[in-house]
Protein backbone atom coordinates (compact mmCIF):
# COMPACT_ATOMS: atom_id res chain seq x y z
CA MET A 1 -42.69 -25.68 108.34
CA ALA A 2 -44.23 -24.40 105.10
CA THR A 3 -40.80 -23.35 103.86
CA SER A 4 -39.29 -26.78 104.59
CA LEU A 5 -42.03 -28.50 102.53
CA ALA A 6 -41.86 -26.03 99.64
CA VAL A 7 -38.19 -26.78 98.90
CA PRO A 8 -38.53 -30.55 98.23
CA VAL A 9 -41.80 -30.03 96.33
CA ALA A 10 -40.15 -27.46 94.09
CA TYR A 11 -37.13 -29.77 93.63
CA PHE A 12 -39.24 -32.74 92.53
CA THR A 13 -41.37 -30.50 90.31
CA VAL A 14 -38.30 -29.20 88.45
CA LEU A 15 -36.82 -32.70 88.21
CA ILE A 16 -40.00 -34.19 86.74
CA SER A 17 -40.37 -31.28 84.32
CA LEU A 18 -36.81 -31.77 83.06
CA PHE A 19 -37.40 -35.49 82.67
CA VAL A 20 -40.58 -34.90 80.62
CA VAL A 21 -38.87 -32.35 78.37
CA PHE A 22 -35.88 -34.64 77.80
CA SER A 23 -38.16 -37.61 77.05
CA ARG A 24 -40.11 -35.68 74.41
CA TRP A 25 -36.94 -34.36 72.81
CA TYR A 26 -35.35 -37.82 72.67
CA ARG A 27 -38.44 -39.46 71.14
CA ARG A 28 -38.68 -36.75 68.49
CA LYS A 29 -35.01 -37.24 67.64
CA GLN A 30 -35.43 -41.01 67.31
CA ALA A 31 -38.50 -40.57 65.09
CA ALA A 32 -36.61 -38.12 62.86
CA GLN A 33 -33.73 -40.58 62.49
CA LYS A 34 -36.11 -43.36 61.48
CA ARG A 35 -37.74 -41.16 58.85
CA SER A 36 -34.45 -39.93 57.36
CA TYR A 37 -32.54 -43.10 56.50
CA GLU A 38 -29.46 -42.64 54.39
CA SER A 39 -29.90 -44.27 51.00
CA TRP A 40 -28.29 -47.71 50.73
CA PHE A 41 -27.54 -47.22 47.01
CA PRO A 42 -25.81 -44.32 45.25
CA PRO A 43 -27.86 -41.99 43.02
CA HIS A 44 -29.66 -43.55 40.05
CA PRO A 45 -28.65 -41.49 36.97
CA ALA A 46 -30.17 -43.98 34.49
CA ARG A 47 -33.61 -43.54 36.08
CA ASP A 48 -33.24 -39.76 36.09
CA ILE A 49 -32.25 -39.75 32.41
CA TYR A 50 -35.25 -41.89 31.45
CA THR A 51 -37.64 -39.69 33.44
CA THR A 52 -36.20 -36.59 31.78
CA LEU A 53 -36.59 -38.09 28.31
CA VAL A 54 -40.20 -39.12 28.98
CA ALA A 55 -41.12 -35.58 30.05
CA ALA A 56 -39.10 -33.89 27.28
CA GLN A 57 -40.80 -31.46 24.94
CA PRO A 58 -40.92 -32.05 22.03
CA PRO A 59 -41.18 -35.84 22.56
CA VAL A 60 -38.04 -37.85 21.81
CA PRO A 61 -38.11 -40.88 19.47
CA GLU A 62 -39.45 -44.11 20.90
CA SER A 63 -36.19 -45.95 20.13
CA MET A 64 -34.33 -43.55 22.41
CA LEU A 65 -36.83 -44.14 25.20
CA LYS A 66 -36.45 -47.91 24.83
CA SER A 67 -32.64 -47.62 25.01
CA ALA A 68 -32.88 -45.45 28.13
CA LEU A 69 -35.28 -47.92 29.72
CA LEU A 70 -32.92 -50.82 28.99
CA ALA A 71 -30.03 -48.89 30.55
CA ARG A 72 -32.21 -48.25 33.61
CA ALA A 73 -33.07 -51.95 33.86
CA ALA A 74 -29.38 -52.91 33.55
CA ALA A 75 -28.55 -50.58 36.45
CA ASP A 76 -31.35 -52.18 38.48
CA VAL A 77 -29.91 -55.64 37.75
CA LYS A 78 -26.60 -54.58 39.28
CA ARG A 79 -28.47 -53.35 42.34
CA ILE A 80 -30.24 -56.70 42.61
CA TRP A 81 -26.87 -58.45 42.55
CA ARG A 82 -25.61 -56.19 45.32
CA VAL A 83 -28.72 -56.79 47.47
CA LYS A 84 -28.32 -60.56 47.15
CA GLU A 85 -24.64 -60.31 48.14
CA ASP A 86 -25.21 -57.96 51.07
CA LYS A 87 -28.26 -59.67 52.54
CA ALA A 88 -26.53 -62.85 53.75
CA ALA A 89 -23.59 -60.94 55.22
CA LEU A 90 -25.82 -58.41 57.00
CA GLU A 91 -28.04 -61.11 58.49
CA ASN A 92 -24.98 -62.95 59.80
CA LEU A 93 -23.53 -59.78 61.32
CA HIS A 94 -26.89 -58.84 62.85
CA GLN A 95 -27.29 -62.25 64.48
CA ARG A 96 -23.84 -61.90 66.02
CA GLY A 97 -24.70 -58.41 67.31
CA LEU A 98 -22.04 -56.61 65.24
CA ILE A 99 -24.50 -54.22 63.55
CA GLY A 100 -27.55 -52.47 64.94
CA ASP A 101 -31.20 -52.50 64.03
CA ASP A 102 -30.88 -49.16 62.24
CA THR A 103 -28.57 -50.72 59.62
CA MET A 104 -31.01 -53.56 59.01
CA ALA A 105 -33.85 -51.03 58.78
CA ARG A 106 -31.91 -49.13 56.10
CA PHE A 107 -31.35 -52.35 54.18
CA ASP A 108 -35.04 -53.33 54.40
CA PHE A 109 -36.00 -49.89 53.14
CA ALA A 110 -33.57 -50.28 50.21
CA GLU A 111 -35.14 -53.67 49.36
CA LYS A 112 -38.63 -52.19 49.27
CA GLU A 113 -37.40 -49.28 47.17
CA LEU A 114 -35.81 -51.73 44.71
CA GLU A 115 -39.05 -53.73 44.48
CA ALA A 116 -40.95 -50.55 43.60
CA GLU A 117 -38.30 -49.69 40.99
CA ILE A 118 -38.63 -53.12 39.36
CA VAL A 119 -42.42 -52.83 39.22
CA ASP A 120 -42.08 -49.38 37.65
CA VAL A 121 -39.64 -50.62 34.99
CA VAL A 122 -41.90 -53.57 34.09
CA ALA A 123 -44.90 -51.27 33.81
CA GLU A 124 -42.99 -48.82 31.60
CA ALA A 125 -41.81 -51.68 29.36
CA ASN A 126 -45.39 -52.88 28.89
CA THR A 127 -46.40 -49.44 27.62
CA PHE A 128 -44.09 -49.84 24.63
CA ARG A 129 -45.10 -53.42 23.83
CA PRO A 130 -47.41 -55.71 25.81
CA GLY A 131 -45.38 -58.56 27.29
CA TRP A 132 -42.02 -56.83 27.03
CA GLY A 133 -41.99 -56.36 30.79
CA GLY A 134 -41.61 -60.11 31.24
CA ILE A 135 -38.32 -60.30 29.31
CA ILE A 136 -36.79 -56.86 29.75
CA PHE A 137 -34.78 -57.97 32.78
CA ALA A 138 -33.46 -60.97 30.85
CA THR A 139 -32.06 -58.59 28.23
CA ALA A 140 -30.82 -56.22 30.93
CA THR A 141 -29.01 -59.09 32.68
CA GLU A 142 -27.11 -59.96 29.51
CA MET A 143 -26.21 -56.29 29.05
CA ALA A 144 -24.94 -56.01 32.62
CA LYS A 145 -22.84 -59.18 32.30
CA ALA A 146 -21.34 -58.00 28.99
CA GLU A 147 -20.51 -54.62 30.52
CA ASP A 148 -18.82 -56.21 33.54
CA THR A 149 -16.80 -58.53 31.29
CA ARG A 150 -15.74 -55.63 29.09
CA GLU A 151 -14.62 -53.59 32.10
CA THR A 152 -12.67 -56.58 33.41
CA VAL A 153 -10.86 -57.07 30.10
CA LEU A 154 -10.02 -53.39 29.72
CA ASN A 155 -8.79 -53.08 33.33
CA VAL A 156 -6.31 -55.97 33.12
CA GLY A 157 -3.38 -53.60 32.54
CA ARG A 158 -4.35 -51.29 35.40
CA VAL A 159 -4.83 -54.19 37.83
CA LYS A 160 -1.48 -55.65 36.79
CA ALA A 161 0.28 -52.32 37.44
CA GLU A 162 -1.35 -52.02 40.89
CA LEU A 163 -0.33 -55.57 41.81
CA GLU A 164 3.23 -55.00 40.65
CA LYS A 165 3.45 -51.79 42.70
CA ARG A 166 2.11 -53.59 45.77
CA LEU A 167 4.59 -56.45 45.31
CA GLN A 168 7.46 -54.00 44.92
CA VAL A 169 6.54 -52.26 48.18
CA ARG A 170 6.31 -55.64 49.92
CA ALA A 171 9.68 -56.69 48.48
CA ARG A 172 11.33 -53.52 49.81
CA LEU A 173 9.86 -54.09 53.26
CA LEU A 174 11.03 -57.72 53.33
CA GLY A 175 14.45 -56.93 51.86
CA LEU A 176 13.89 -59.00 48.71
CA PRO A 177 15.15 -58.10 45.24
CA VAL A 178 12.74 -55.74 43.55
CA GLN A 179 13.10 -57.61 40.23
CA MET A 180 11.38 -60.62 41.78
CA ALA A 181 8.26 -58.58 42.55
CA THR A 182 6.92 -58.59 39.02
CA ILE A 183 4.13 -60.38 37.22
CA SER A 184 4.60 -62.32 34.03
CA ASP A 185 3.60 -60.47 30.87
CA SER A 186 1.54 -63.46 29.78
CA THR A 187 -1.39 -62.11 31.82
CA SER A 188 -1.08 -58.50 30.70
CA THR A 189 -2.44 -58.71 27.17
CA PRO A 190 -5.51 -60.82 26.45
CA THR A 191 -5.43 -62.90 23.26
CA LEU A 192 -8.30 -63.92 21.06
CA PRO A 193 -9.25 -67.59 20.56
CA PRO A 194 -7.97 -69.30 17.38
CA ASN A 195 -11.45 -69.60 15.87
CA MET A 196 -12.06 -65.89 16.49
CA THR A 197 -8.71 -65.04 14.88
CA GLN A 198 -9.58 -67.09 11.78
CA ALA A 199 -12.99 -65.44 11.57
CA LEU A 200 -11.39 -62.01 11.78
CA GLN A 201 -8.93 -62.90 9.05
CA ALA A 202 -11.78 -64.02 6.80
CA ALA A 203 -13.69 -60.82 7.58
CA GLU A 204 -10.60 -58.75 6.81
CA ALA A 205 -10.25 -60.47 3.44
CA ALA A 206 -13.92 -59.84 2.70
CA GLN A 207 -13.53 -56.19 3.71
CA ALA A 208 -10.50 -55.86 1.43
CA ALA A 209 -12.58 -57.31 -1.43
CA GLY A 210 -15.16 -54.56 -0.93
CA LYS A 211 -17.83 -56.68 0.74
CA LEU A 212 -19.97 -55.48 3.62
CA VAL A 213 -18.88 -56.50 7.12
CA PRO A 214 -21.06 -56.29 10.28
CA PRO A 215 -20.33 -53.17 12.37
CA ALA A 216 -19.17 -55.20 15.40
CA VAL A 217 -16.67 -57.14 13.27
CA ALA A 218 -15.49 -53.91 11.65
CA ALA A 219 -14.85 -52.43 15.11
CA MET A 220 -12.82 -55.50 16.10
CA LEU A 221 -10.74 -55.27 12.90
CA LYS A 222 -10.07 -51.60 13.54
CA SER A 223 -8.91 -52.35 17.08
CA MET A 224 -6.68 -55.19 15.88
CA LYS A 225 -5.06 -52.94 13.25
CA ALA A 226 -4.40 -50.33 15.95
CA GLY A 227 -2.68 -52.99 18.04
CA ASN A 228 -5.20 -52.89 20.87
CA THR A 229 -5.99 -56.53 21.56
CA ALA A 230 -7.88 -55.68 24.74
CA GLU A 231 -10.29 -53.47 22.81
CA ALA A 232 -10.78 -56.24 20.25
CA ALA A 233 -11.46 -58.81 22.94
CA ALA A 234 -13.95 -56.47 24.61
CA ALA A 235 -15.65 -55.83 21.28
CA SER A 236 -15.94 -59.56 20.67
CA VAL A 237 -17.56 -59.97 24.09
CA ALA A 238 -20.02 -57.18 23.30
CA ALA A 239 -20.81 -58.75 19.93
CA ALA A 240 -21.40 -62.14 21.55
CA ALA A 241 -23.68 -60.54 24.13
CA ALA A 242 -25.62 -58.76 21.39
CA ALA A 243 -26.05 -62.03 19.51
CA THR A 244 -27.21 -63.71 22.69
CA THR A 245 -29.78 -61.04 23.49
CA ALA A 246 -31.15 -61.15 19.94
CA GLY A 247 -32.49 -64.69 20.36
CA PRO A 248 -35.38 -65.98 22.48
CA GLN A 249 -34.82 -65.45 26.17
CA SER A 250 -36.33 -66.56 29.41
CA PRO A 251 -36.26 -64.51 32.60
CA PRO A 252 -33.09 -65.42 34.53
CA ASP A 253 -32.82 -66.06 38.23
CA THR A 254 -31.83 -62.48 38.87
CA ALA A 255 -34.40 -61.11 41.28
CA PRO A 256 -35.51 -62.72 44.54
CA PRO A 257 -39.00 -64.28 44.61
CA SER A 258 -40.49 -61.18 46.22
CA TYR A 259 -39.20 -59.03 43.35
CA THR A 260 -40.50 -61.46 40.75
CA ALA A 261 -43.93 -61.58 42.37
CA ALA A 262 -44.06 -57.80 42.58
CA ALA A 263 -43.02 -57.43 38.94
CA ALA A 264 -45.55 -60.02 37.77
CA GLY A 265 -48.41 -57.92 39.10
CA ALA A 266 -47.48 -54.90 37.00
CA GLY A 267 -49.62 -54.92 33.88
CA PRO A 268 -49.66 -52.52 30.96
CA THR A 269 -50.07 -48.92 31.95
CA LYS A 270 -50.77 -45.87 29.86
CA ARG A 271 -48.17 -43.11 29.86
CA LYS A 272 -49.77 -39.70 30.15
CA THR A 273 -46.78 -37.73 28.89
CA LYS A 274 -46.44 -39.69 25.67
CA LYS A 275 -48.15 -38.06 22.68
CA LYS A 276 -48.99 -39.67 19.41
């Protein structure tokens, strides 16, 4: 009788012990996954470069630190654009049950990380000049837009070649003449506006007469003489962006309200690593 009762008691004891061990292991695994989210954004080299320059010995010039901070802010502006684009799509997919809660948790963590980055950039800008933190993202937005436009202009030839290759493959599959699968050359080489061409001609005449010409205009003339119209168009875009950022600016509608509120609370801070 004692033996018949010992067997089921031992069975249930082992079963409950295994269940407790598995439950603890599973909860620890879930907690570790929540703590180790994969970063939503790629590495941030601009931030690393600025941090390295701030801690450099001997101290680097202040103009170099300002340039590195502007590059860091421009990279943050691109991240803000990506967050605004991804947020609506992720919320729609989450409502339809196509993505899990872990993906939304990663995205929320990336948003909070970006808010902290914006606050840090504003605080660093205020250390150089009080009030600069309120307009640094306006300047960074113009820089990011000019960079995107320049990349678009310079990549026209590469995109055209990829499209032609894709059309040729499609033509072979459909049995169409390969000559039809081409793109007109009118879209391959960007041309400058007439007013810009006249201005460049006047600048070239002034340069030939020995007069001083702005560096941006000189770069455009050099590109035109080399026959690279795309480089000249990109240089004109960069010059226009530089002229735009030189004037008075107002903070654009770049960051969501939560980012703006977080950045507004960052006042001037004193950098410990900076020596006079």
